[in-house]
Amino acid sequence: MTNLVTEVAETVDTNPESAALSYEGMELSYEEFWERTGQFAQALENRGIGEGDRVGIYLPNLPQFVTAFYGTLRVGGIIVPMNPQYKAREISHMLADSEATVVVALADLVPNVLEVQNDTDVETVVSVGADADGATEFDDFLADGTKAIVDRADDDIAVQPYTSGTTGTPKGVLLTHHNLAFTTRANASVPPGGFQASDRLIGTLPLFHIYGMSVVMNGAMYSGGTYYPVPEWDAPTVMDQLEDDEITIMFGVPAMFNDMINQPDAEEYEFEALRFVNSGGSSLPLEVLERFEDLWGVQLNEGYGLTETSPVTHANTDESRRKGSIGQPLEGVEAKIVDSAERSSADHSGGDEPPEDEEFEEVPRVEEGPIDVDSVASSTRRGKGGETAEAADLHEITGELVIHGPNVMKGYYGLPEANEEAFTEENGKRWFHTGDVGYWDEDNFFYVVDREKHMIVTGGYNVYPREVEELLFEHEDVADAAVVGVPDERRGETVKAFIVPTPDAEATPEDIKQYCLSNLAEYKHPRDVEFVQELPRTTTGKVQKFELRDE
């Protein structure tokens, strides 16, 4: 029997006086931090919360998030992390579906929880930052005593984050104690010498997201380093902190690094302590990588992962890197590029069964990447017999990236059909379909060239157009709507909505943007709204989104 926090307890025993958390000039030692997690765990048990019960955490990056996270695991519970940018309508499904009975929320967000409480199993609301009507303030919630660690099996669920499927409906991802423990250990070995007790890790990535939670927070707690939570991204503030606090490790998304290099005084900064920097969440533009390294002399490595893989599957390292690649699989993780043409030809979002003759053959590797995909006909690849052949087009060398390993989720919560579609069993191995298209080379470096068919990746966040479209259809002035991703220099992509207004519509494009902003997280709302007379459709009625993107 085990528990994800067992190794944290060992860290506490080894480094009781070292700083576990540092926030706005306040430091919390490992001994003090451990005491508070025990008090939180005891408070949960006092309210009947124990093994397998779910606790929602609806907070930005704050020390209370870390305390509630490990406190919940300590009592044997399951964490349901929620984006603090979400509005009431967005958290309603997560709380109802997960059957969470406790929610820890920022005081300003407590009204959102109370608004949907009657539609969920939530009984207890804990507020952070201030008193809030209908909630118990965080410090008042903590018990006087501390709860010992409750044993859990390796395959017991530790965290249930939600990710949108191709239909836009959030799906609970079941991540086990072993999933997260493996990923934390594997990722902590990526920097030179691995994560160390002397490291100071800056928490710019949101903790509700598996990237910030598993890689940065867990990594710091496992290694005995110090975690510096950052509630809100602001490039100048973070750059000052990198200097002042002598931060040694930073993980971020491309938009963050793009913001940093574009600060007018960027050349004045010196990050002398910074020894490892990693980018994930979406593809890193080569010009951003090279500008970052030119400015500060620190190698910027790109990696890859998904919520369903806990998240990291691939990484570049200081010793082994190819620019433009997501890197090689972590030790213990298997990956390959397969021919899934038959699979992708079926419209699963419409309820079709996956084809029985689904192909799952490995796509031949290119000799060495990256390649110029615009002139792929001139590049060479190895055939199955080892011969070198000319690649006629990109389709011949690309396929779907699939993953097998101890980091892959147990499955989606309560969705057997989605689980059947997400995995392929082959030779006793369970391969997860990422939905991402890419290629690989003979040195086992992987390259992602496209994302899932309709998903928009903006600033490292995934946005599924259907969720936005369904909201737009609720507006009385909208007769028809389609949402696509369009190129954006800072975010990689941004959201654009094409609207066919009703004949008597009075709403303006700005009104539509504000309507979305009031009902969706800020990063999901369309930054551009265009009114059109009609949407391009196929003879079967499907919107031809590629035409909208081309426009």
Protein backbone atom coordinates (compact mmCIF):
# COMPACT_ATOMS: atom_id res chain seq x y z
CA MET A 1 0.00 0.00 0.00
CA THR A 2 1.20 3.52 -0.72
CA ASN A 3 0.14 7.14 -1.05
CA LEU A 4 1.46 9.95 -3.22
CA VAL A 5 2.34 11.94 -0.09
CA THR A 6 4.47 9.18 1.46
CA GLU A 7 7.58 10.46 -0.28
CA VAL A 8 6.74 14.00 0.78
CA ALA A 9 6.73 12.76 4.37
CA GLU A 10 10.23 11.40 3.78
CA THR A 11 11.28 14.82 2.46
CA VAL A 12 9.91 16.42 5.62
CA ASP A 13 11.95 14.04 7.78
CA THR A 14 15.10 14.85 5.80
CA ASN A 15 14.61 18.65 5.48
CA PRO A 16 12.31 19.78 8.32
CA GLU A 17 13.73 23.29 8.57
CA SER A 18 14.13 23.93 4.84
CA ALA A 19 11.64 26.21 3.10
CA ALA A 20 8.89 24.25 1.38
CA LEU A 21 6.92 27.32 0.23
CA SER A 22 7.79 30.95 -0.26
CA TYR A 23 5.04 33.44 -1.01
CA GLU A 24 5.13 37.25 -0.82
CA GLY A 25 8.03 37.24 1.61
CA MET A 26 6.53 34.52 3.83
CA GLU A 27 8.31 31.20 4.09
CA LEU A 28 6.80 27.97 5.36
CA SER A 29 9.23 25.25 6.41
CA TYR A 30 8.61 21.62 5.52
CA GLU A 31 7.80 20.92 9.15
CA GLU A 32 5.24 23.76 9.28
CA PHE A 33 3.78 22.81 5.91
CA TRP A 34 3.41 19.19 6.97
CA GLU A 35 1.62 20.23 10.15
CA ARG A 36 -0.93 22.23 8.16
CA THR A 37 -1.59 19.39 5.69
CA GLY A 38 -2.24 17.11 8.66
CA GLN A 39 -4.65 19.63 10.15
CA PHE A 40 -6.49 19.92 6.83
CA ALA A 41 -6.67 16.13 6.56
CA GLN A 42 -8.03 15.87 10.10
CA ALA A 43 -10.64 18.55 9.38
CA LEU A 44 -11.84 16.51 6.41
CA GLU A 45 -12.07 13.35 8.48
CA ASN A 46 -13.99 15.26 11.16
CA ARG A 47 -16.60 15.96 8.46
CA GLY A 48 -16.77 12.36 7.31
CA ILE A 49 -14.46 12.74 4.31
CA GLY A 50 -12.10 9.83 3.74
CA GLU A 51 -10.89 7.22 1.29
CA GLY A 52 -12.16 7.78 -2.25
CA ASP A 53 -14.11 10.96 -1.42
CA ARG A 54 -13.58 13.92 -3.73
CA VAL A 55 -12.53 17.44 -2.76
CA GLY A 56 -12.69 20.30 -5.27
CA ILE A 57 -9.89 22.88 -5.23
CA TYR A 58 -10.97 26.10 -6.95
CA LEU A 59 -7.95 28.32 -6.34
CA PRO A 60 -5.17 30.19 -8.10
CA ASN A 61 -1.58 29.36 -7.14
CA LEU A 62 -1.56 29.98 -3.39
CA PRO A 63 -0.02 28.17 -0.39
CA GLN A 64 -3.53 27.00 0.56
CA PHE A 65 -3.75 25.06 -2.71
CA VAL A 66 -0.64 23.10 -1.79
CA THR A 67 -1.93 22.46 1.74
CA ALA A 68 -5.37 21.33 0.54
CA PHE A 69 -3.84 19.14 -2.17
CA TYR A 70 -1.58 17.11 0.11
CA GLY A 71 -4.06 17.24 2.98
CA THR A 72 -6.73 15.62 0.80
CA LEU A 73 -4.34 12.89 -0.31
CA ARG A 74 -3.21 12.38 3.28
CA VAL A 75 -6.75 11.42 4.34
CA GLY A 76 -7.13 9.15 1.29
CA GLY A 77 -9.28 11.53 -0.73
CA ILE A 78 -9.24 12.48 -4.40
CA ILE A 79 -8.53 16.02 -5.66
CA VAL A 80 -10.75 17.61 -8.30
CA PRO A 81 -8.80 20.70 -9.44
CA MET A 82 -10.80 23.50 -11.08
CA ASN A 83 -9.64 26.47 -13.11
CA PRO A 84 -10.19 29.67 -11.06
CA GLN A 85 -11.08 31.43 -14.31
CA TYR A 86 -14.15 29.21 -14.69
CA LYS A 87 -17.57 30.66 -14.08
CA ALA A 88 -20.48 28.90 -12.34
CA ARG A 89 -21.75 27.16 -15.49
CA GLU A 90 -18.30 25.69 -16.12
CA ILE A 91 -17.75 24.22 -12.65
CA SER A 92 -21.30 22.89 -12.37
CA HIS A 93 -20.66 19.77 -14.48
CA MET A 94 -17.31 19.06 -12.81
CA LEU A 95 -18.77 19.14 -9.32
CA ALA A 96 -21.88 17.18 -10.21
CA ASP A 97 -20.02 14.56 -12.25
CA SER A 98 -17.26 14.04 -9.68
CA GLU A 99 -19.69 14.02 -6.73
CA ALA A 100 -17.32 16.25 -4.76
CA THR A 101 -18.65 17.02 -1.28
CA VAL A 102 -16.11 19.70 -0.28
CA VAL A 103 -14.84 22.69 -2.26
CA VAL A 104 -11.94 24.95 -1.29
CA ALA A 105 -12.43 28.22 -3.17
CA LEU A 106 -11.06 31.72 -3.30
CA ALA A 107 -13.43 33.97 -1.37
CA ASP A 108 -14.36 35.84 -4.55
CA LEU A 109 -15.26 32.53 -6.20
CA VAL A 110 -17.42 31.16 -3.39
CA PRO A 111 -20.60 32.69 -4.95
CA ASN A 112 -20.00 30.56 -8.07
CA VAL A 113 -19.95 27.43 -5.93
CA LEU A 114 -23.06 28.44 -3.98
CA GLU A 115 -24.88 29.19 -7.24
CA VAL A 116 -24.59 25.57 -8.37
CA GLN A 117 -24.51 23.87 -4.96
CA ASN A 118 -28.09 22.61 -5.14
CA ASP A 119 -27.26 20.76 -8.36
CA THR A 120 -24.27 18.98 -6.78
CA ASP A 121 -23.32 16.94 -3.71
CA VAL A 122 -21.27 19.80 -2.22
CA GLU A 123 -21.91 20.11 1.50
CA THR A 124 -18.91 22.10 2.73
CA VAL A 125 -17.36 25.21 1.19
CA VAL A 126 -14.03 26.56 2.48
CA SER A 127 -13.01 30.12 1.59
CA VAL A 128 -9.46 31.40 1.08
CA GLY A 129 -8.40 35.01 1.40
CA ALA A 130 -11.37 36.33 3.37
CA ASP A 131 -14.58 35.32 5.08
CA ALA A 132 -17.43 34.59 2.68
CA ASP A 133 -21.10 34.01 3.33
CA GLY A 134 -21.92 30.31 3.14
CA ALA A 135 -18.31 29.22 3.63
CA THR A 136 -15.79 28.53 6.41
CA GLU A 137 -12.55 30.50 6.30
CA PHE A 138 -9.52 28.29 5.59
CA ASP A 139 -7.65 28.75 8.88
CA ASP A 140 -10.87 28.27 10.86
CA PHE A 141 -11.49 25.04 8.94
CA LEU A 142 -8.17 23.48 10.02
CA ALA A 143 -8.40 21.02 12.91
CA ASP A 144 -6.32 21.19 16.08
CA GLY A 145 -4.95 17.68 15.58
CA THR A 146 -3.25 16.09 12.59
CA LYS A 147 -4.24 13.07 10.55
CA ALA A 148 -1.76 10.31 9.74
CA ILE A 149 -1.32 9.18 6.13
CA VAL A 150 -4.02 6.81 4.92
CA ASP A 151 -2.64 3.95 2.86
CA ARG A 152 -3.82 3.76 -0.74
CA ALA A 153 -3.05 1.22 -3.45
CA ASP A 154 -0.88 2.15 -6.41
CA ASP A 155 -3.87 2.07 -8.76
CA ASP A 156 -6.16 4.06 -6.46
CA ILE A 157 -7.15 7.46 -7.84
CA ALA A 158 -5.28 10.48 -6.49
CA VAL A 159 -6.39 13.31 -8.78
CA GLN A 160 -9.36 13.75 -11.13
CA PRO A 161 -8.73 16.75 -13.38
CA TYR A 162 -11.17 17.51 -16.17
CA THR A 163 -10.28 17.88 -19.80
CA SER A 164 -12.61 18.62 -22.70
CA GLY A 165 -13.14 15.89 -25.25
CA THR A 166 -13.69 16.49 -28.94
CA THR A 167 -17.33 17.18 -28.15
CA GLY A 168 -16.36 19.91 -25.70
CA THR A 169 -17.93 18.06 -22.76
CA PRO A 170 -15.45 17.96 -19.84
CA LYS A 171 -14.23 14.46 -19.01
CA GLY A 172 -12.84 13.42 -15.65
CA VAL A 173 -9.34 11.96 -16.04
CA LEU A 174 -8.51 9.27 -13.46
CA LEU A 175 -4.87 9.64 -12.43
CA THR A 176 -3.57 7.15 -9.90
CA HIS A 177 -1.04 7.54 -7.11
CA HIS A 178 1.40 5.52 -9.21
CA ASN A 179 0.74 7.62 -12.35
CA LEU A 180 1.70 10.83 -10.59
CA ALA A 181 4.54 9.40 -8.50
CA PHE A 182 6.15 7.91 -11.61
CA THR A 183 5.85 11.13 -13.60
CA THR A 184 7.23 13.24 -10.79
CA ARG A 185 10.27 11.02 -10.38
CA ALA A 186 10.88 10.66 -14.12
CA ASN A 187 10.54 14.37 -14.83
CA ALA A 188 12.70 15.30 -11.83
CA SER A 189 15.57 13.41 -13.46
CA VAL A 190 15.50 15.56 -16.62
CA PRO A 191 17.55 18.60 -15.46
CA PRO A 192 21.32 18.11 -15.05
CA GLY A 193 21.78 16.32 -11.74
CA GLY A 194 18.01 16.12 -11.31
CA PHE A 195 15.87 18.25 -9.00
CA GLN A 196 17.81 19.04 -5.84
CA ALA A 197 17.00 20.25 -2.32
CA SER A 198 18.79 23.49 -3.16
CA ASP A 199 16.51 24.21 -6.11
CA ARG A 200 14.00 27.04 -6.13
CA LEU A 201 11.12 26.36 -8.54
CA ILE A 202 8.85 29.17 -9.66
CA GLY A 203 5.17 28.28 -9.96
CA THR A 204 4.10 30.26 -13.00
CA LEU A 205 2.08 27.32 -14.35
CA PRO A 206 -1.40 27.06 -12.79
CA LEU A 207 -1.79 24.36 -10.17
CA PHE A 208 -5.23 23.33 -11.41
CA HIS A 209 -3.42 22.19 -14.58
CA ILE A 210 -1.60 18.88 -14.44
CA TYR A 211 1.60 20.47 -15.85
CA GLY A 212 2.03 22.88 -12.95
CA MET A 213 0.67 20.44 -10.37
CA SER A 214 2.59 17.30 -11.24
CA VAL A 215 5.82 18.65 -12.68
CA VAL A 216 6.51 21.78 -10.63
CA MET A 217 4.68 21.49 -7.29
CA ASN A 218 5.15 17.74 -6.83
CA GLY A 219 8.69 18.01 -8.15
CA ALA A 220 9.60 20.61 -5.56
CA MET A 221 7.98 18.70 -2.69
CA TYR A 222 9.62 15.41 -3.67
CA SER A 223 13.09 16.90 -4.01
CA GLY A 224 13.01 19.08 -0.91
CA GLY A 225 13.28 22.26 -2.98
CA THR A 226 11.33 25.46 -2.46
CA TYR A 227 8.15 26.16 -4.40
CA TYR A 228 7.29 29.80 -5.21
CA PRO A 229 3.59 29.99 -6.18
CA VAL A 230 2.65 32.76 -8.63
CA PRO A 231 -1.13 33.45 -8.63
CA GLU A 232 -1.20 35.42 -11.88
CA TRP A 233 1.17 35.66 -14.82
CA ASP A 234 2.83 39.03 -15.30
CA ALA A 235 6.11 38.94 -17.21
CA PRO A 236 7.90 41.90 -15.53
CA THR A 237 6.91 40.71 -12.04
CA VAL A 238 8.06 37.16 -12.72
CA MET A 239 11.32 38.35 -14.29
CA ASP A 240 12.04 40.44 -11.20
CA GLN A 241 11.36 37.39 -9.05
CA LEU A 242 13.65 35.21 -11.14
CA GLU A 243 16.43 37.66 -10.32
CA ASP A 244 15.58 38.57 -6.73
CA ASP A 245 14.82 35.06 -5.47
CA GLU A 246 17.58 33.45 -7.53
CA ILE A 247 15.16 30.96 -9.09
CA THR A 248 16.93 27.88 -10.44
CA ILE A 249 14.16 26.03 -12.36
CA MET A 250 11.30 27.39 -14.47
CA PHE A 251 8.60 25.56 -16.42
CA GLY A 252 6.27 27.55 -18.67
CA VAL A 253 4.28 27.72 -21.89
CA PRO A 254 5.49 29.41 -25.10
CA ALA A 255 3.37 32.54 -24.53
CA MET A 256 5.20 33.19 -21.27
CA PHE A 257 8.61 32.99 -22.87
CA ASN A 258 7.40 35.15 -25.74
CA ASP A 259 6.26 37.78 -23.25
CA MET A 260 9.64 37.70 -21.52
CA ILE A 261 11.74 38.20 -24.61
CA ASN A 262 9.52 41.06 -25.77
CA GLN A 263 9.89 43.17 -22.64
CA PRO A 264 11.51 46.50 -23.58
CA ASP A 265 14.16 46.06 -20.88
CA ALA A 266 14.71 42.33 -21.41
CA GLU A 267 18.44 42.76 -22.02
CA GLU A 268 18.89 44.31 -18.59
CA TYR A 269 17.92 41.13 -16.77
CA GLU A 270 20.47 38.56 -15.65
CA PHE A 271 19.17 35.21 -14.49
CA GLU A 272 22.45 33.95 -13.08
CA ALA A 273 20.92 31.23 -10.87
CA LEU A 274 18.58 29.83 -13.54
CA ARG A 275 19.90 26.42 -14.53
CA PHE A 276 16.98 24.69 -16.26
CA VAL A 277 14.03 26.02 -18.30
CA ASN A 278 11.35 23.95 -19.99
CA SER A 279 8.48 24.81 -22.34
CA GLY A 280 5.34 22.73 -22.84
CA GLY A 281 1.61 23.06 -23.41
CA SER A 282 1.89 23.92 -27.12
CA SER A 283 4.52 24.11 -29.84
CA LEU A 284 7.42 26.42 -29.08
CA PRO A 285 8.31 28.77 -31.98
CA LEU A 286 11.97 28.43 -32.91
CA GLU A 287 12.47 32.19 -32.89
CA VAL A 288 11.26 32.40 -29.29
CA LEU A 289 13.62 29.63 -28.23
CA GLU A 290 16.63 31.19 -29.90
CA ARG A 291 15.90 34.72 -28.69
CA PHE A 292 15.49 33.45 -25.10
CA GLU A 293 18.81 31.64 -25.23
CA ASP A 294 20.58 34.61 -26.83
CA LEU A 295 19.30 36.96 -24.13
CA TRP A 296 20.02 34.93 -21.04
CA GLY A 297 22.39 32.12 -21.99
CA VAL A 298 20.09 29.41 -20.60
CA GLN A 299 19.02 26.49 -22.76
CA LEU A 300 15.26 26.44 -23.31
CA ASN A 301 14.11 22.84 -23.71
CA GLU A 302 10.80 21.74 -25.18
CA GLY A 303 8.76 18.83 -23.82
CA TYR A 304 5.39 17.21 -24.38
CA GLY A 305 2.56 15.71 -22.41
CA LEU A 306 -1.18 15.58 -21.84
CA THR A 307 -3.49 15.51 -18.86
CA GLU A 308 -4.16 11.83 -19.61
CA THR A 309 -0.43 11.05 -19.30
CA SER A 310 0.14 12.77 -15.96
CA PRO A 311 1.44 14.75 -18.06
CA VAL A 312 5.02 14.43 -19.33
CA THR A 313 5.87 11.79 -21.93
CA HIS A 314 8.74 13.42 -23.89
CA ALA A 315 11.53 15.82 -23.06
CA ASN A 316 14.60 17.44 -24.51
CA THR A 317 17.51 17.71 -22.09
CA ASP A 318 20.63 19.82 -21.92
CA GLU A 319 22.63 16.79 -23.10
CA SER A 320 20.20 15.48 -25.72
CA ARG A 321 18.17 17.96 -27.72
CA ARG A 322 16.91 18.74 -31.19
CA LYS A 323 15.35 22.13 -31.77
CA GLY A 324 11.83 21.75 -33.12
CA SER A 325 11.41 18.37 -31.47
CA ILE A 326 9.33 17.52 -28.40
CA GLY A 327 12.26 15.32 -27.40
CA GLN A 328 12.64 11.66 -26.61
CA PRO A 329 10.31 9.59 -24.41
CA LEU A 330 11.07 9.66 -20.70
CA GLU A 331 12.71 6.53 -19.36
CA GLY A 332 9.98 3.95 -18.78
CA VAL A 333 7.61 5.53 -21.31
CA GLU A 334 7.01 4.05 -24.76
CA ALA A 335 5.79 6.06 -27.74
CA LYS A 336 5.40 5.54 -31.45
CA ILE A 337 3.80 7.05 -34.53
CA VAL A 338 1.11 4.85 -36.03
CA ASP A 339 -0.97 4.86 -39.16
CA SER A 340 -4.41 5.72 -37.84
CA ALA A 341 -5.94 6.83 -41.13
CA GLU A 342 -8.78 4.35 -40.76
CA ARG A 343 -9.40 5.52 -37.21
CA SER A 344 -9.51 9.22 -38.04
CA SER A 345 -11.79 8.70 -41.02
CA ALA A 346 -14.69 7.84 -38.71
CA ASP A 347 -16.61 10.69 -37.13
CA HIS A 348 -16.58 9.43 -33.54
CA SER A 349 -18.06 12.69 -32.26
CA GLY A 350 -21.24 11.77 -34.06
CA GLY A 351 -21.50 8.50 -32.18
CA ASP A 352 -20.04 6.17 -34.85
CA GLU A 353 -18.30 3.04 -33.65
CA PRO A 354 -14.54 2.88 -34.32
CA PRO A 355 -13.93 0.87 -37.49
CA GLU A 356 -13.22 -2.79 -36.87
CA ASP A 357 -10.32 -2.78 -39.32
CA GLU A 358 -8.55 0.07 -37.57
CA GLU A 359 -4.92 0.27 -38.66
CA PHE A 360 -2.22 0.39 -36.03
CA GLU A 361 1.03 -0.08 -37.93
CA GLU A 362 4.09 1.98 -37.14
CA VAL A 363 4.82 4.76 -39.61
CA PRO A 364 8.40 4.56 -40.94
CA ARG A 365 10.82 6.98 -39.31
CA VAL A 366 12.61 9.82 -41.04
CA GLU A 367 16.36 9.44 -40.95
CA GLU A 368 16.91 12.58 -38.90
CA GLY A 369 14.63 15.44 -37.88
CA PRO A 370 13.46 18.02 -37.90
CA ILE A 371 12.47 18.13 -41.53
CA ASP A 372 11.04 20.95 -43.59
CA VAL A 373 7.42 19.85 -43.85
CA ASP A 374 6.85 22.33 -46.66
CA SER A 375 9.35 20.52 -48.83
CA VAL A 376 8.90 17.04 -47.43
CA ALA A 377 9.12 15.49 -50.89
CA SER A 378 12.86 16.13 -50.83
CA SER A 379 13.46 14.44 -47.48
CA THR A 380 14.33 10.80 -47.02
CA ARG A 381 12.96 8.15 -44.75
CA ARG A 382 13.71 4.54 -44.00
CA GLY A 383 11.36 1.89 -45.30
CA LYS A 384 10.39 -1.13 -43.20
CA GLY A 385 13.17 -3.17 -44.75
CA GLY A 386 15.78 -0.53 -43.95
CA GLU A 387 15.93 0.91 -47.45
CA THR A 388 15.96 4.68 -47.96
CA ALA A 389 13.04 6.07 -49.94
CA GLU A 390 11.82 9.44 -51.03
CA ALA A 391 8.82 10.69 -49.04
CA ALA A 392 6.17 11.62 -51.55
CA ASP A 393 4.19 13.79 -49.17
CA LEU A 394 3.74 14.61 -45.50
CA HIS A 395 1.07 11.94 -45.09
CA GLU A 396 3.62 9.21 -45.79
CA ILE A 397 5.81 10.08 -42.82
CA THR A 398 3.21 11.25 -40.30
CA GLY A 399 0.69 9.48 -38.15
CA GLU A 400 -0.85 9.63 -34.73
CA LEU A 401 1.31 9.76 -31.61
CA VAL A 402 0.37 6.98 -29.18
CA ILE A 403 1.72 6.41 -25.66
CA HIS A 404 2.15 3.41 -23.36
CA GLY A 405 3.56 3.53 -19.86
CA PRO A 406 3.02 3.83 -16.10
CA ASN A 407 2.11 7.48 -16.53
CA VAL A 408 -0.99 6.80 -18.66
CA MET A 409 -4.33 7.41 -16.95
CA LYS A 410 -6.51 4.63 -15.61
CA GLY A 411 -9.31 5.98 -17.80
CA TYR A 412 -12.06 8.57 -18.06
CA TYR A 413 -14.48 8.68 -15.15
CA GLY A 414 -17.76 6.94 -15.91
CA LEU A 415 -17.24 6.98 -19.70
CA PRO A 416 -16.71 3.42 -20.98
CA GLU A 417 -17.26 4.39 -24.62
CA ALA A 418 -14.68 7.18 -24.42
CA ASN A 419 -12.23 4.76 -22.81
CA GLU A 420 -12.77 2.23 -25.58
CA GLU A 421 -12.02 4.87 -28.17
CA ALA A 422 -9.00 6.28 -26.31
CA PHE A 423 -7.03 3.02 -26.14
CA THR A 424 -5.79 0.30 -28.44
CA GLU A 425 -4.64 -3.04 -27.03
CA GLU A 426 -1.70 -4.52 -28.91
CA ASN A 427 0.53 -7.40 -27.82
CA GLY A 428 -0.48 -7.01 -24.20
CA LYS A 429 0.15 -3.27 -24.15
CA ARG A 430 -2.46 -0.55 -23.73
CA TRP A 431 -1.72 2.38 -26.05
CA PHE A 432 -3.30 5.77 -25.50
CA HIS A 433 -4.29 7.79 -28.58
CA THR A 434 -3.14 11.39 -28.14
CA GLY A 435 -4.99 12.74 -31.19
CA ASP A 436 -1.82 14.60 -32.17
CA VAL A 437 -0.20 14.12 -35.56
CA GLY A 438 3.56 13.89 -35.90
CA TYR A 439 6.58 11.94 -37.07
CA TRP A 440 9.70 10.41 -35.47
CA ASP A 441 13.28 9.89 -36.45
CA GLU A 442 15.82 7.09 -36.11
CA ASP A 443 17.28 8.62 -32.94
CA ASN A 444 13.82 8.40 -31.31
CA PHE A 445 13.16 12.13 -31.34
CA PHE A 446 9.50 12.97 -31.90
CA TYR A 447 7.93 15.93 -33.74
CA VAL A 448 4.34 17.15 -33.53
CA VAL A 449 3.09 18.89 -36.67
CA ASP A 450 -0.61 19.28 -35.98
CA ARG A 451 -3.10 19.16 -33.16
CA GLU A 452 -6.39 17.36 -32.87
CA LYS A 453 -8.67 18.28 -35.77
CA HIS A 454 -10.67 21.06 -34.18
CA MET A 455 -8.96 21.85 -30.90
CA ILE A 456 -7.56 25.35 -30.40
CA VAL A 457 -4.39 25.71 -28.31
CA THR A 458 -4.12 29.26 -27.02
CA GLY A 459 -1.34 30.19 -24.62
CA GLY A 460 -0.97 26.56 -23.57
CA TYR A 461 -4.70 26.11 -22.82
CA ASN A 462 -6.97 23.80 -24.79
CA VAL A 463 -10.20 25.28 -26.14
CA TYR A 464 -12.74 23.09 -27.88
CA PRO A 465 -14.87 25.12 -30.30
CA ARG A 466 -18.08 23.25 -29.61
CA GLU A 467 -18.20 24.51 -26.01
CA VAL A 468 -18.04 28.12 -27.24
CA GLU A 469 -20.46 27.41 -30.08
CA GLU A 470 -23.06 25.95 -27.74
CA LEU A 471 -22.95 29.11 -25.65
CA LEU A 472 -23.26 31.28 -28.77
CA PHE A 473 -26.33 29.37 -29.87
CA GLU A 474 -27.98 30.31 -26.57
CA HIS A 475 -27.81 34.00 -27.54
CA GLU A 476 -31.10 35.24 -28.96
CA ASP A 477 -29.41 37.21 -31.74
CA VAL A 478 -27.36 34.26 -33.06
CA ALA A 479 -28.83 32.17 -35.85
CA ASP A 480 -25.73 30.16 -36.65
CA ALA A 481 -22.15 30.07 -35.37
CA ALA A 482 -18.78 28.45 -35.88
CA VAL A 483 -15.57 28.87 -33.88
CA VAL A 484 -12.06 28.29 -35.18
CA GLY A 485 -8.50 28.95 -34.12
CA VAL A 486 -6.58 31.63 -35.96
CA PRO A 487 -2.83 32.39 -35.75
CA ASP A 488 -1.76 34.70 -32.94
CA GLU A 489 1.83 35.89 -32.50
CA ARG A 490 1.75 35.77 -28.71
CA ARG A 491 -0.56 32.85 -27.91
CA GLY A 492 0.11 30.62 -30.92
CA GLU A 493 -3.62 30.58 -31.68
CA THR A 494 -6.58 32.60 -30.54
CA VAL A 495 -10.32 32.06 -30.75
CA LYS A 496 -12.42 33.56 -33.56
CA ALA A 497 -16.20 33.28 -33.92
CA PHE A 498 -18.14 33.54 -37.17
CA ILE A 499 -21.74 34.55 -36.47
CA VAL A 500 -24.82 34.46 -38.69
CA PRO A 501 -27.13 36.93 -36.91
CA THR A 502 -30.90 36.62 -36.75
CA PRO A 503 -32.82 39.00 -39.06
CA ASP A 504 -33.77 41.31 -36.18
CA ALA A 505 -30.48 41.05 -34.31
CA GLU A 506 -29.34 44.08 -32.34
CA ALA A 507 -26.15 42.68 -30.82
CA THR A 508 -22.80 43.94 -32.10
CA PRO A 509 -19.58 41.88 -32.33
CA GLU A 510 -18.43 43.58 -29.13
CA ASP A 511 -21.68 42.55 -27.40
CA ILE A 512 -21.04 38.93 -28.42
CA LYS A 513 -17.50 39.07 -27.04
CA GLN A 514 -18.70 40.44 -23.72
CA TYR A 515 -21.45 37.83 -23.56
CA CYS A 516 -18.89 35.05 -23.94
CA LEU A 517 -16.50 36.69 -21.49
CA SER A 518 -19.20 36.75 -18.81
CA ASN A 519 -19.92 33.03 -19.21
CA LEU A 520 -16.56 31.48 -20.04
CA ALA A 521 -12.98 31.60 -18.81
CA GLU A 522 -11.14 34.57 -20.28
CA TYR A 523 -8.89 32.50 -22.52
CA LYS A 524 -11.90 30.78 -24.14
CA HIS A 525 -13.81 33.86 -25.25
CA PRO A 526 -13.54 34.92 -28.92
CA ARG A 527 -11.12 37.79 -29.30
CA ASP A 528 -12.45 38.32 -32.81
CA VAL A 529 -16.10 38.10 -33.86
CA GLU A 530 -17.14 38.40 -37.49
CA PHE A 531 -20.74 38.60 -38.72
CA VAL A 532 -21.34 36.70 -41.97
CA GLN A 533 -24.38 35.99 -44.12
CA GLU A 534 -23.87 32.22 -44.06
CA LEU A 535 -21.38 29.54 -43.05
CA PRO A 536 -19.72 27.29 -45.63
CA ARG A 537 -21.18 23.80 -45.26
CA THR A 538 -20.88 20.43 -46.95
CA THR A 539 -23.87 18.78 -48.57
CA THR A 540 -24.36 16.85 -45.32
CA GLY A 541 -24.56 20.08 -43.34
CA LYS A 542 -21.14 20.10 -41.69
CA VAL A 543 -19.37 23.44 -41.40
CA GLN A 544 -16.20 23.54 -43.50
CA LYS A 545 -13.96 25.11 -40.89
CA PHE A 546 -10.87 25.00 -43.04
CA GLU A 547 -12.51 27.61 -45.30
CA LEU A 548 -13.13 29.87 -42.31
CA ARG A 549 -9.51 29.49 -41.20
CA ASP A 550 -8.28 30.32 -44.69
CA GLU A 551 -10.31 33.51 -44.63
